[in-house]
Amino acid sequence: MKKDAIKSAEVFPENFKICEIEWSKIKLKNSKDLFIASYYIPHRNMKDITNLKLSLEKLTTGKPKHIIIAGDFNCPDIDWINMEIKTGAPDKEVQQALMDLSIEHGLVQIHDKPTREGNLLDLVFTNNPSLIKSTGNAPGISDHDIVVTDSLIKPYYCKQRPQKRYMFGKANWDQIKTDINMITKDIYNHIHDMPIDKTWQTFKNGVQATIDTNVPS
């Protein structure tokens, strides 16, 4: 599947960089649009939590929407089952603010497996838990496990143009070699007066032309 096969779009303009968050909208079949965010808070601070709240407020105006937010929230001391902060938690006001934000916007934190050294740092929020089939961990390439979430959604797919596939096993290789030699000589004869981009285009177009002519598809 091509990367542009699913109908999706960036939600906010490129200059909307209030914190390390990226929102995307995905068109769903027979349902509300799904808005997915990737979020990262490198160090616990109120500014990033406030800016996350700001993006949610901008997003949730208008029609109801499905929302999923996932990322490294760096808040390990929240008991998401009982909705309370552990005793003696550092930066308690920041962790409390994240928990309050989830309540205010109707977000449920569904991931319950520690992702780094026994700490639950990487979280998955949604305002519709029925969208989520399962969530778990997989070994990561960094010091965090990877969060793998299986969701029950059916996106709209963009119609893909048929791809041209060459049958190189039936190619006329003798003619291709002759054409390549001619392309090489032409480039060599103009090597001193042809700009580098023109040289590349000459080579690229020549190779593509001989493939189209001498390789069936």
N, C-alpha and C. Protein backbone atom coordinates (compact mmCIF):
# COMPACT_ATOMS: atom_id res chain seq x y z
N MET A 1 0.84 -1.20 0.00
CA MET A 1 0.00 0.00 0.00
C MET A 1 0.88 1.25 0.00
N LYS A 2 0.55 2.21 -0.85
CA LYS A 2 1.31 3.45 -0.88
C LYS A 2 1.00 4.30 0.34
N LYS A 3 1.94 5.18 0.67
CA LYS A 3 1.77 6.02 1.86
C LYS A 3 0.58 6.97 1.74
N ASP A 4 0.16 7.27 0.49
CA ASP A 4 -0.96 8.19 0.30
C ASP A 4 -2.26 7.45 -0.02
N ALA A 5 -2.32 6.15 0.29
CA ALA A 5 -3.50 5.36 -0.05
C ALA A 5 -4.68 5.70 0.85
N ILE A 6 -4.43 6.08 2.09
CA ILE A 6 -5.50 6.43 3.02
C ILE A 6 -5.76 7.93 2.93
N LYS A 7 -7.03 8.31 2.91
CA LYS A 7 -7.39 9.73 2.85
C LYS A 7 -7.10 10.38 4.19
N SER A 8 -6.07 11.17 4.24
CA SER A 8 -5.68 11.82 5.48
C SER A 8 -5.14 13.21 5.19
N ALA A 9 -5.04 14.01 6.24
CA ALA A 9 -4.55 15.38 6.08
C ALA A 9 -4.02 15.89 7.41
N GLU A 10 -3.05 16.80 7.32
CA GLU A 10 -2.55 17.46 8.52
C GLU A 10 -3.64 18.41 9.02
N VAL A 11 -3.82 18.45 10.33
CA VAL A 11 -4.91 19.23 10.90
C VAL A 11 -4.56 20.70 11.02
N PHE A 12 -3.42 21.00 11.62
CA PHE A 12 -3.02 22.38 11.86
C PHE A 12 -1.95 22.78 10.85
N PRO A 13 -1.80 24.07 10.56
CA PRO A 13 -0.76 24.51 9.64
C PRO A 13 0.63 24.21 10.18
N GLU A 14 1.62 24.21 9.27
CA GLU A 14 2.98 23.84 9.64
C GLU A 14 3.55 24.75 10.72
N ASN A 15 3.10 26.00 10.77
CA ASN A 15 3.66 26.94 11.75
C ASN A 15 2.99 26.82 13.11
N PHE A 16 2.05 25.87 13.25
CA PHE A 16 1.40 25.65 14.54
C PHE A 16 2.28 24.71 15.35
N LYS A 17 3.30 25.25 15.98
CA LYS A 17 4.28 24.45 16.70
C LYS A 17 4.35 24.92 18.15
N ILE A 18 3.24 24.71 18.87
CA ILE A 18 3.21 25.17 20.26
C ILE A 18 3.86 24.17 21.20
N CYS A 19 3.97 22.92 20.77
CA CYS A 19 4.66 21.90 21.55
C CYS A 19 4.96 20.75 20.59
N GLU A 20 5.57 19.69 21.10
CA GLU A 20 5.94 18.58 20.23
C GLU A 20 4.73 17.68 20.02
N ILE A 21 3.83 18.13 19.15
CA ILE A 21 2.62 17.39 18.84
C ILE A 21 2.30 17.54 17.37
N GLU A 22 1.80 16.48 16.77
CA GLU A 22 1.42 16.50 15.36
C GLU A 22 0.05 15.82 15.22
N TRP A 23 -0.91 16.56 14.70
CA TRP A 23 -2.27 16.05 14.52
C TRP A 23 -2.51 15.70 13.05
N SER A 24 -3.18 14.57 12.81
CA SER A 24 -3.60 14.19 11.47
C SER A 24 -5.06 13.76 11.49
N LYS A 25 -5.76 14.04 10.39
CA LYS A 25 -7.17 13.63 10.26
C LYS A 25 -7.28 12.51 9.24
N ILE A 26 -8.01 11.45 9.60
CA ILE A 26 -8.23 10.31 8.71
C ILE A 26 -9.72 10.16 8.45
N LYS A 27 -10.08 10.08 7.18
CA LYS A 27 -11.48 9.88 6.80
C LYS A 27 -11.86 8.42 7.04
N LEU A 28 -12.98 8.21 7.77
CA LEU A 28 -13.46 6.87 8.07
C LEU A 28 -14.73 6.57 7.29
N LYS A 29 -14.95 5.30 7.03
CA LYS A 29 -16.17 4.88 6.35
C LYS A 29 -17.34 4.86 7.33
N ASN A 30 -18.42 5.51 6.95
CA ASN A 30 -19.66 5.48 7.72
C ASN A 30 -19.47 5.89 9.18
N SER A 31 -18.61 6.86 9.42
CA SER A 31 -18.35 7.28 10.79
C SER A 31 -17.76 8.68 10.79
N LYS A 32 -17.62 9.23 12.00
CA LYS A 32 -16.97 10.54 12.15
C LYS A 32 -15.49 10.43 11.79
N ASP A 33 -14.90 11.55 11.42
CA ASP A 33 -13.47 11.57 11.13
C ASP A 33 -12.68 11.19 12.38
N LEU A 34 -11.53 10.56 12.15
CA LEU A 34 -10.63 10.19 13.24
C LEU A 34 -9.45 11.16 13.26
N PHE A 35 -9.19 11.73 14.43
CA PHE A 35 -8.05 12.64 14.61
C PHE A 35 -7.02 11.95 15.49
N ILE A 36 -5.82 11.80 14.95
CA ILE A 36 -4.74 11.11 15.66
C ILE A 36 -3.61 12.09 15.93
N ALA A 37 -3.08 12.04 17.15
CA ALA A 37 -1.97 12.92 17.52
C ALA A 37 -0.80 12.10 18.04
N SER A 38 0.39 12.52 17.66
CA SER A 38 1.63 12.01 18.25
C SER A 38 2.21 13.11 19.13
N TYR A 39 2.48 12.77 20.39
CA TYR A 39 2.85 13.80 21.38
C TYR A 39 4.09 13.37 22.15
N TYR A 40 4.92 14.36 22.50
CA TYR A 40 6.12 14.08 23.29
C TYR A 40 6.39 15.24 24.24
N ILE A 41 6.56 14.90 25.51
CA ILE A 41 6.96 15.90 26.50
C ILE A 41 8.30 15.44 27.09
N PRO A 42 9.41 16.04 26.65
CA PRO A 42 10.73 15.55 27.06
C PRO A 42 10.99 15.69 28.56
N HIS A 43 10.46 16.75 29.15
CA HIS A 43 10.61 16.98 30.59
C HIS A 43 9.27 17.48 31.12
N ARG A 44 8.88 16.98 32.26
CA ARG A 44 7.58 17.39 32.82
C ARG A 44 7.55 18.89 33.05
N ASN A 45 6.58 19.56 32.43
CA ASN A 45 6.43 21.00 32.61
C ASN A 45 5.00 21.39 32.27
N MET A 46 4.52 22.44 32.92
CA MET A 46 3.14 22.87 32.74
C MET A 46 2.89 23.46 31.35
N LYS A 47 3.91 24.06 30.75
CA LYS A 47 3.73 24.71 29.45
C LYS A 47 3.29 23.70 28.39
N ASP A 48 3.95 22.54 28.34
CA ASP A 48 3.61 21.55 27.33
C ASP A 48 2.22 20.95 27.57
N ILE A 49 1.85 20.77 28.84
CA ILE A 49 0.51 20.28 29.14
C ILE A 49 -0.54 21.32 28.74
N THR A 50 -0.26 22.58 29.04
CA THR A 50 -1.18 23.66 28.66
C THR A 50 -1.34 23.75 27.15
N ASN A 51 -0.24 23.58 26.42
CA ASN A 51 -0.31 23.65 24.97
C ASN A 51 -1.03 22.44 24.37
N LEU A 52 -0.87 21.28 25.01
CA LEU A 52 -1.65 20.12 24.58
C LEU A 52 -3.14 20.41 24.75
N LYS A 53 -3.48 21.01 25.87
CA LYS A 53 -4.88 21.38 26.13
C LYS A 53 -5.37 22.38 25.09
N LEU A 54 -4.52 23.34 24.71
CA LEU A 54 -4.89 24.34 23.70
C LEU A 54 -5.19 23.67 22.37
N SER A 55 -4.37 22.71 21.98
CA SER A 55 -4.60 22.04 20.70
C SER A 55 -5.90 21.24 20.74
N LEU A 56 -6.21 20.64 21.88
CA LEU A 56 -7.46 19.90 22.02
C LEU A 56 -8.67 20.83 21.94
N GLU A 57 -8.54 21.99 22.55
CA GLU A 57 -9.64 22.96 22.51
C GLU A 57 -9.89 23.44 21.08
N LYS A 58 -8.82 23.66 20.32
CA LYS A 58 -8.97 24.06 18.93
C LYS A 58 -9.60 22.94 18.10
N LEU A 59 -9.24 21.71 18.45
CA LEU A 59 -9.69 20.56 17.67
C LEU A 59 -11.15 20.22 17.93
N THR A 60 -11.57 20.33 19.17
CA THR A 60 -12.89 19.80 19.56
C THR A 60 -14.03 20.78 19.34
N THR A 61 -13.76 21.94 18.76
CA THR A 61 -14.85 22.84 18.40
C THR A 61 -15.58 22.27 17.17
N GLY A 62 -16.87 22.51 17.10
CA GLY A 62 -17.63 22.03 15.94
C GLY A 62 -18.18 20.64 16.14
N LYS A 63 -18.19 19.86 15.07
CA LYS A 63 -18.79 18.53 15.08
C LYS A 63 -18.00 17.57 15.97
N PRO A 64 -18.69 16.55 16.55
CA PRO A 64 -18.00 15.53 17.35
C PRO A 64 -16.96 14.79 16.50
N LYS A 65 -15.89 14.36 17.14
CA LYS A 65 -14.80 13.71 16.43
C LYS A 65 -14.28 12.53 17.25
N HIS A 66 -13.78 11.51 16.55
CA HIS A 66 -13.02 10.45 17.21
C HIS A 66 -11.60 10.96 17.43
N ILE A 67 -11.03 10.70 18.61
CA ILE A 67 -9.69 11.20 18.92
C ILE A 67 -8.84 10.08 19.51
N ILE A 68 -7.61 9.98 19.03
CA ILE A 68 -6.59 9.11 19.62
C ILE A 68 -5.31 9.92 19.77
N ILE A 69 -4.75 9.94 20.97
CA ILE A 69 -3.48 10.62 21.24
C ILE A 69 -2.51 9.60 21.82
N ALA A 70 -1.33 9.50 21.25
CA ALA A 70 -0.33 8.55 21.74
C ALA A 70 1.04 9.22 21.78
N GLY A 71 1.86 8.79 22.74
CA GLY A 71 3.20 9.33 22.81
C GLY A 71 3.83 9.14 24.17
N ASP A 72 5.00 9.74 24.33
CA ASP A 72 5.75 9.68 25.59
C ASP A 72 5.37 10.90 26.43
N PHE A 73 4.57 10.67 27.47
CA PHE A 73 4.09 11.76 28.32
C PHE A 73 4.96 11.97 29.56
N ASN A 74 5.86 11.02 29.82
CA ASN A 74 6.85 11.18 30.89
C ASN A 74 6.19 11.47 32.25
N CYS A 75 5.04 10.85 32.49
CA CYS A 75 4.32 11.02 33.76
C CYS A 75 4.03 9.64 34.35
N PRO A 76 5.00 9.03 35.02
CA PRO A 76 4.86 7.63 35.45
C PRO A 76 4.08 7.42 36.74
N ASP A 77 3.71 8.49 37.43
CA ASP A 77 3.14 8.34 38.77
C ASP A 77 1.62 8.47 38.82
N ILE A 78 0.98 8.37 37.67
CA ILE A 78 -0.48 8.43 37.63
C ILE A 78 -1.04 7.01 37.63
N ASP A 79 -1.93 6.75 38.56
CA ASP A 79 -2.68 5.49 38.57
C ASP A 79 -3.92 5.70 37.71
N TRP A 80 -3.86 5.21 36.48
CA TRP A 80 -4.92 5.49 35.52
C TRP A 80 -6.18 4.67 35.77
N ILE A 81 -6.08 3.64 36.60
CA ILE A 81 -7.27 2.86 36.93
C ILE A 81 -8.09 3.58 38.00
N ASN A 82 -7.39 4.03 39.05
CA ASN A 82 -8.07 4.71 40.16
C ASN A 82 -8.07 6.22 40.02
N MET A 83 -7.39 6.72 38.95
CA MET A 83 -7.32 8.15 38.67
C MET A 83 -6.83 8.94 39.89
N GLU A 84 -5.60 8.61 40.31
CA GLU A 84 -4.97 9.32 41.41
C GLU A 84 -3.46 9.34 41.20
N ILE A 85 -2.80 10.29 41.88
CA ILE A 85 -1.35 10.44 41.78
C ILE A 85 -0.70 9.72 42.96
N LYS A 86 0.38 9.02 42.67
CA LYS A 86 1.08 8.29 43.73
C LYS A 86 1.67 9.26 44.75
N THR A 87 1.72 8.84 45.99
CA THR A 87 2.29 9.66 47.06
C THR A 87 3.76 9.94 46.79
N GLY A 88 4.17 11.19 46.98
CA GLY A 88 5.57 11.56 46.79
C GLY A 88 5.99 11.71 45.35
N ALA A 89 5.05 11.79 44.43
CA ALA A 89 5.38 11.91 43.01
C ALA A 89 6.05 13.25 42.72
N PRO A 90 7.16 13.25 41.96
CA PRO A 90 7.79 14.52 41.57
C PRO A 90 6.93 15.25 40.56
N ASP A 91 7.03 16.58 40.55
CA ASP A 91 6.25 17.41 39.62
C ASP A 91 4.78 17.00 39.65
N LYS A 92 4.26 16.88 40.85
CA LYS A 92 2.90 16.38 41.02
C LYS A 92 1.88 17.25 40.30
N GLU A 93 2.10 18.57 40.28
CA GLU A 93 1.13 19.46 39.66
C GLU A 93 1.04 19.23 38.15
N VAL A 94 2.17 18.83 37.53
CA VAL A 94 2.16 18.55 36.09
C VAL A 94 1.39 17.27 35.81
N GLN A 95 1.66 16.25 36.60
CA GLN A 95 0.98 14.97 36.40
C GLN A 95 -0.52 15.10 36.71
N GLN A 96 -0.84 15.90 37.71
CA GLN A 96 -2.25 16.15 38.03
C GLN A 96 -2.93 16.88 36.87
N ALA A 97 -2.21 17.82 36.26
CA ALA A 97 -2.77 18.58 35.13
C ALA A 97 -3.07 17.67 33.95
N LEU A 98 -2.19 16.69 33.70
CA LEU A 98 -2.45 15.74 32.61
C LEU A 98 -3.69 14.90 32.90
N MET A 99 -3.80 14.44 34.14
CA MET A 99 -4.97 13.65 34.51
C MET A 99 -6.25 14.49 34.41
N ASP A 100 -6.19 15.73 34.87
CA ASP A 100 -7.36 16.62 34.80
C ASP A 100 -7.74 16.90 33.35
N LEU A 101 -6.72 17.07 32.49
CA LEU A 101 -6.98 17.32 31.07
C LEU A 101 -7.74 16.15 30.45
N SER A 102 -7.33 14.93 30.80
CA SER A 102 -7.99 13.76 30.23
C SER A 102 -9.46 13.69 30.66
N ILE A 103 -9.72 14.06 31.91
CA ILE A 103 -11.10 14.06 32.41
C ILE A 103 -11.92 15.14 31.71
N GLU A 104 -11.34 16.33 31.59
CA GLU A 104 -12.05 17.46 30.99
C GLU A 104 -12.48 17.19 29.56
N HIS A 105 -11.62 16.47 28.81
CA HIS A 105 -11.90 16.23 27.39
C HIS A 105 -12.44 14.82 27.14
N GLY A 106 -12.80 14.11 28.20
CA GLY A 106 -13.41 12.80 28.02
C GLY A 106 -12.48 11.77 27.42
N LEU A 107 -11.19 11.87 27.73
CA LEU A 107 -10.19 10.95 27.18
C LEU A 107 -9.91 9.83 28.17
N VAL A 108 -9.87 8.61 27.67
CA VAL A 108 -9.57 7.43 28.49
C VAL A 108 -8.18 6.94 28.12
N GLN A 109 -7.33 6.72 29.13
CA GLN A 109 -5.98 6.21 28.91
C GLN A 109 -6.06 4.68 28.94
N ILE A 110 -5.76 4.04 27.79
CA ILE A 110 -6.05 2.61 27.66
C ILE A 110 -4.82 1.71 27.75
N HIS A 111 -3.61 2.28 27.74
CA HIS A 111 -2.40 1.44 27.77
C HIS A 111 -1.97 1.22 29.21
N ASP A 112 -1.71 -0.04 29.58
CA ASP A 112 -1.41 -0.33 30.99
C ASP A 112 -0.11 -1.09 31.21
N LYS A 113 0.73 -1.21 30.18
CA LYS A 113 1.97 -1.96 30.32
C LYS A 113 3.15 -1.00 30.38
N PRO A 114 4.03 -1.15 31.39
CA PRO A 114 5.21 -0.27 31.50
C PRO A 114 6.04 -0.30 30.23
N THR A 115 6.60 0.84 29.86
CA THR A 115 7.36 0.92 28.61
C THR A 115 8.84 1.22 28.81
N ARG A 116 9.23 1.56 30.04
CA ARG A 116 10.66 1.80 30.30
C ARG A 116 10.95 1.58 31.78
N GLU A 117 11.81 0.60 32.05
CA GLU A 117 12.29 0.32 33.41
C GLU A 117 11.15 0.24 34.42
N GLY A 118 10.08 -0.44 34.05
CA GLY A 118 8.95 -0.62 34.95
C GLY A 118 8.03 0.57 35.07
N ASN A 119 8.28 1.62 34.29
CA ASN A 119 7.46 2.84 34.35
C ASN A 119 6.55 2.94 33.13
N LEU A 120 5.33 3.36 33.37
CA LEU A 120 4.37 3.59 32.29
C LEU A 120 4.51 5.03 31.81
N LEU A 121 5.36 5.22 30.79
CA LEU A 121 5.64 6.56 30.27
C LEU A 121 4.90 6.83 28.97
N ASP A 122 4.73 5.79 28.16
CA ASP A 122 4.10 5.95 26.85
C ASP A 122 2.63 5.58 26.97
N LEU A 123 1.77 6.52 26.61
CA LEU A 123 0.34 6.40 26.87
C LEU A 123 -0.47 6.47 25.58
N VAL A 124 -1.69 5.96 25.65
CA VAL A 124 -2.62 6.04 24.52
C VAL A 124 -3.97 6.51 25.06
N PHE A 125 -4.42 7.67 24.60
CA PHE A 125 -5.71 8.23 25.01
C PHE A 125 -6.70 8.15 23.85
N THR A 126 -7.96 7.96 24.17
CA THR A 126 -9.02 8.06 23.17
C THR A 126 -10.31 8.51 23.84
N ASN A 127 -11.13 9.20 23.08
CA ASN A 127 -12.44 9.59 23.60
C ASN A 127 -13.51 8.57 23.23
N ASN A 128 -13.08 7.47 22.60
CA ASN A 128 -14.01 6.39 22.24
C ASN A 128 -13.29 5.05 22.38
N PRO A 129 -13.27 4.46 23.58
CA PRO A 129 -12.55 3.20 23.81
C PRO A 129 -13.03 2.05 22.93
N SER A 130 -14.26 2.14 22.40
CA SER A 130 -14.76 1.07 21.54
C SER A 130 -14.00 0.98 20.22
N LEU A 131 -13.22 2.03 19.90
CA LEU A 131 -12.38 2.00 18.69
C LEU A 131 -11.19 1.07 18.85
N ILE A 132 -10.80 0.79 20.10
CA ILE A 132 -9.56 0.07 20.37
C ILE A 132 -9.83 -1.40 20.61
N LYS A 133 -9.18 -2.25 19.82
CA LYS A 133 -9.30 -3.70 19.98
C LYS A 133 -8.33 -4.22 21.02
N SER A 134 -7.08 -3.77 20.96
CA SER A 134 -6.06 -4.22 21.92
C SER A 134 -4.90 -3.25 21.91
N THR A 135 -4.10 -3.31 22.97
CA THR A 135 -2.87 -2.51 23.03
C THR A 135 -1.83 -3.29 23.81
N GLY A 136 -0.59 -3.24 23.36
CA GLY A 136 0.47 -3.99 24.01
C GLY A 136 1.83 -3.42 23.67
N ASN A 137 2.88 -4.11 24.09
CA ASN A 137 4.25 -3.65 23.87
C ASN A 137 4.99 -4.56 22.91
N ALA A 138 5.96 -3.98 22.22
CA ALA A 138 6.90 -4.73 21.40
C ALA A 138 8.29 -4.17 21.69
N PRO A 139 9.34 -4.99 21.54
CA PRO A 139 10.70 -4.50 21.80
C PRO A 139 11.02 -3.30 20.91
N GLY A 140 11.61 -2.27 21.52
CA GLY A 140 11.95 -1.07 20.77
C GLY A 140 13.42 -0.99 20.43
N ILE A 141 13.79 -0.02 19.60
CA ILE A 141 15.19 0.17 19.23
C ILE A 141 15.85 1.20 20.15
N SER A 142 15.06 1.86 21.00
CA SER A 142 15.61 2.80 21.98
C SER A 142 15.45 2.19 23.36
N ASP A 143 15.47 3.01 24.40
CA ASP A 143 15.31 2.49 25.76
C ASP A 143 13.84 2.37 26.15
N HIS A 144 12.93 2.64 25.23
CA HIS A 144 11.49 2.46 25.46
C HIS A 144 10.98 1.29 24.63
N ASP A 145 10.01 0.55 25.17
CA ASP A 145 9.29 -0.41 24.35
C ASP A 145 8.38 0.35 23.38
N ILE A 146 8.03 -0.32 22.30
CA ILE A 146 7.10 0.26 21.33
C ILE A 146 5.68 -0.09 21.73
N VAL A 147 4.80 0.88 21.70
CA VAL A 147 3.39 0.64 21.98
C VAL A 147 2.70 0.25 20.67
N VAL A 148 2.05 -0.91 20.66
CA VAL A 148 1.34 -1.39 19.48
C VAL A 148 -0.15 -1.43 19.80
N THR A 149 -0.93 -0.63 19.10
CA THR A 149 -2.37 -0.53 19.36
C THR A 149 -3.14 -0.95 18.12
N ASP A 150 -4.06 -1.88 18.29
CA ASP A 150 -4.90 -2.37 17.20
C ASP A 150 -6.27 -1.72 17.33
N SER A 151 -6.67 -0.98 16.30
CA SER A 151 -7.94 -0.25 16.37
C SER A 151 -8.95 -0.81 15.37
N LEU A 152 -10.21 -0.64 15.69
CA LEU A 152 -11.30 -1.14 14.86
C LEU A 152 -11.86 0.01 14.02
N ILE A 153 -11.14 0.38 12.99
CA ILE A 153 -11.58 1.47 12.13
C ILE A 153 -11.46 1.05 10.67
N LYS A 154 -12.27 1.66 9.84
CA LYS A 154 -12.24 1.41 8.41
C LYS A 154 -12.06 2.74 7.69
N PRO A 155 -10.83 3.06 7.30
CA PRO A 155 -10.61 4.33 6.61
C PRO A 155 -11.05 4.27 5.16
N TYR A 156 -11.26 5.44 4.59
CA TYR A 156 -11.45 5.54 3.15
C TYR A 156 -10.09 5.40 2.47
N TYR A 157 -10.04 4.65 1.39
CA TYR A 157 -8.80 4.49 0.64
C TYR A 157 -8.89 5.25 -0.67
N CYS A 158 -7.83 5.94 -1.01
CA CYS A 158 -7.76 6.62 -2.30
C CYS A 158 -7.57 5.57 -3.40
N LYS A 159 -8.25 5.76 -4.51
CA LYS A 159 -8.07 4.84 -5.62
C LYS A 159 -6.67 4.99 -6.19
N GLN A 160 -5.99 3.87 -6.31
CA GLN A 160 -4.61 3.89 -6.79
C GLN A 160 -4.56 3.63 -8.30
N ARG A 161 -3.75 4.41 -8.99
CA ARG A 161 -3.55 4.16 -10.40
C ARG A 161 -2.78 2.85 -10.58
N PRO A 162 -3.13 2.07 -11.61
CA PRO A 162 -2.39 0.83 -11.86
C PRO A 162 -0.91 1.13 -12.08
N GLN A 163 -0.06 0.34 -11.45
CA GLN A 163 1.37 0.55 -11.59
C GLN A 163 1.89 -0.21 -12.81
N LYS A 164 2.78 0.43 -13.53
CA LYS A 164 3.40 -0.22 -14.69
C LYS A 164 4.50 -1.14 -14.19
N ARG A 165 4.42 -2.41 -14.58
CA ARG A 165 5.41 -3.40 -14.14
C ARG A 165 6.15 -3.94 -15.37
N TYR A 166 7.45 -3.78 -15.35
CA TYR A 166 8.27 -4.22 -16.48
C TYR A 166 8.63 -5.70 -16.33
N MET A 167 8.63 -6.41 -17.47
CA MET A 167 9.05 -7.83 -17.50
C MET A 167 10.48 -7.89 -18.03
N PHE A 168 11.43 -7.68 -17.12
CA PHE A 168 12.83 -7.59 -17.53
C PHE A 168 13.36 -8.92 -18.06
N GLY A 169 12.70 -10.02 -17.71
CA GLY A 169 13.13 -11.32 -18.23
C GLY A 169 12.94 -11.44 -19.74
N LYS A 170 12.10 -10.58 -20.31
CA LYS A 170 11.84 -10.60 -21.75
C LYS A 170 12.42 -9.37 -22.45
N ALA A 171 13.34 -8.69 -21.80
CA ALA A 171 13.91 -7.46 -22.34
C ALA A 171 14.86 -7.73 -23.50
N ASN A 172 14.98 -6.76 -24.40
CA ASN A 172 15.94 -6.80 -25.50
C ASN A 172 17.24 -6.17 -24.99
N TRP A 173 18.05 -6.99 -24.31
CA TRP A 173 19.24 -6.46 -23.63
C TRP A 173 20.29 -5.96 -24.61
N ASP A 174 20.39 -6.57 -25.78
CA ASP A 174 21.38 -6.11 -26.76
C ASP A 174 21.09 -4.67 -27.17
N GLN A 175 19.82 -4.37 -27.44
CA GLN A 175 19.47 -3.01 -27.84
C GLN A 175 19.64 -2.04 -26.67
N ILE A 176 19.31 -2.50 -25.45
CA ILE A 176 19.48 -1.64 -24.27
C ILE A 176 20.95 -1.27 -24.10
N LYS A 177 21.85 -2.24 -24.26
CA LYS A 177 23.29 -1.96 -24.14
C LYS A 177 23.74 -0.96 -25.20
N THR A 178 23.23 -1.13 -26.43
CA THR A 178 23.57 -0.19 -27.51
C THR A 178 23.09 1.22 -27.17
N ASP A 179 21.87 1.32 -26.67
CA ASP A 179 21.32 2.64 -26.32
C ASP A 179 22.10 3.28 -25.17
N ILE A 180 22.48 2.49 -24.18
CA ILE A 180 23.23 3.02 -23.03
C ILE A 180 24.59 3.54 -23.49
N ASN A 181 25.23 2.81 -24.41
CA ASN A 181 26.52 3.27 -24.93
C ASN A 181 26.36 4.61 -25.67
N MET A 182 25.29 4.77 -26.42
CA MET A 182 25.05 6.02 -27.13
C MET A 182 24.78 7.16 -26.15
N ILE A 183 24.02 6.88 -25.09
CA ILE A 183 23.77 7.90 -24.06
C ILE A 183 25.07 8.32 -23.41
N THR A 184 25.91 7.35 -23.09
CA THR A 184 27.20 7.64 -22.45
C THR A 184 28.08 8.51 -23.34
N LYS A 185 28.15 8.18 -24.64
CA LYS A 185 28.96 8.96 -25.57
C LYS A 185 28.43 10.39 -25.69
N ASP A 186 27.10 10.52 -25.74
CA ASP A 186 26.50 11.85 -25.86
C ASP A 186 26.85 12.71 -24.64
N ILE A 187 26.75 12.12 -23.45
CA ILE A 187 27.08 12.86 -22.23
C ILE A 187 28.56 13.21 -22.21
N TYR A 188 29.41 12.25 -22.61
CA TYR A 188 30.86 12.49 -22.60
C TYR A 188 31.23 13.62 -23.55
N ASN A 189 30.57 13.69 -24.71
CA ASN A 189 30.89 14.72 -25.70
C ASN A 189 30.49 16.12 -25.23
N HIS A 190 29.57 16.20 -24.27
CA HIS A 190 29.10 17.50 -23.79
C HIS A 190 29.40 17.72 -22.31
N ILE A 191 30.33 16.93 -21.79
CA ILE A 191 30.59 16.95 -20.35
C ILE A 191 31.05 18.31 -19.85
N HIS A 192 31.75 19.08 -20.70
CA HIS A 192 32.31 20.36 -20.25
C HIS A 192 31.34 21.54 -20.43
N ASP A 193 30.31 21.37 -21.24
CA ASP A 193 29.39 22.49 -21.46
C ASP A 193 27.95 22.17 -21.05
N MET A 194 27.77 21.07 -20.32
CA MET A 194 26.43 20.69 -19.88
C MET A 194 26.33 20.78 -18.36
N PRO A 195 25.39 21.56 -17.81
CA PRO A 195 25.22 21.65 -16.35
C PRO A 195 24.94 20.27 -15.75
N ILE A 196 25.27 20.10 -14.48
CA ILE A 196 25.14 18.80 -13.85
C ILE A 196 23.70 18.31 -13.84
N ASP A 197 22.73 19.23 -13.63
CA ASP A 197 21.33 18.81 -13.62
C ASP A 197 20.88 18.38 -15.01
N LYS A 198 21.39 19.05 -16.04
CA LYS A 198 21.08 18.67 -17.41
C LYS A 198 21.70 17.31 -17.74
N THR A 199 22.91 17.07 -17.26
CA THR A 199 23.57 15.78 -17.46
C THR A 199 22.74 14.66 -16.86
N TRP A 200 22.28 14.88 -15.63
CA TRP A 200 21.47 13.87 -14.95
C TRP A 200 20.17 13.60 -15.71
N GLN A 201 19.49 14.67 -16.16
CA GLN A 201 18.23 14.50 -16.87
C GLN A 201 18.44 13.76 -18.19
N THR A 202 19.55 14.07 -18.88
CA THR A 202 19.85 13.38 -20.13
C THR A 202 20.03 11.89 -19.90
N PHE A 203 20.78 11.55 -18.86
CA PHE A 203 21.00 10.14 -18.53
C PHE A 203 19.69 9.47 -18.11
N LYS A 204 18.97 10.11 -17.21
CA LYS A 204 17.73 9.54 -16.68
C LYS A 204 16.70 9.33 -17.79
N ASN A 205 16.51 10.35 -18.63
CA ASN A 205 15.51 10.25 -19.70
C ASN A 205 15.91 9.20 -20.73
N GLY A 206 17.21 9.13 -21.01
CA GLY A 206 17.69 8.14 -21.98
C GLY A 206 17.47 6.72 -21.50
N VAL A 207 17.80 6.47 -20.23
CA VAL A 207 17.61 5.13 -19.67
C VAL A 207 16.12 4.77 -19.65
N GLN A 208 15.28 5.72 -19.23
CA GLN A 208 13.84 5.45 -19.18
C GLN A 208 13.29 5.17 -20.58
N ALA A 209 13.78 5.89 -21.58
CA ALA A 209 13.30 5.70 -22.95
C ALA A 209 13.65 4.32 -23.48
N THR A 210 14.86 3.86 -23.22
CA THR A 210 15.24 2.54 -23.72
C THR A 210 14.53 1.42 -22.97
N ILE A 211 14.24 1.64 -21.70
CA ILE A 211 13.45 0.65 -20.95
C ILE A 211 12.04 0.57 -21.51
N ASP A 212 11.41 1.73 -21.73
CA ASP A 212 10.05 1.74 -22.25
C ASP A 212 9.97 1.08 -23.63
N THR A 213 11.03 1.23 -24.42
CA THR A 213 11.04 0.70 -25.78
C THR A 213 11.37 -0.79 -25.82
N ASN A 214 12.27 -1.22 -24.96
CA ASN A 214 12.85 -2.56 -25.09
C ASN A 214 12.46 -3.54 -23.99
N VAL A 215 11.66 -3.09 -23.03
CA VAL A 215 11.20 -4.00 -21.97
C VAL A 215 9.68 -4.03 -21.99
N PRO A 216 9.09 -5.19 -22.27
CA PRO A 216 7.62 -5.26 -22.27
C PRO A 216 7.05 -5.08 -20.87
N SER A 217 5.80 -4.62 -20.82
CA SER A 217 5.15 -4.42 -19.52
C SER A 217 3.71 -4.93 -19.56
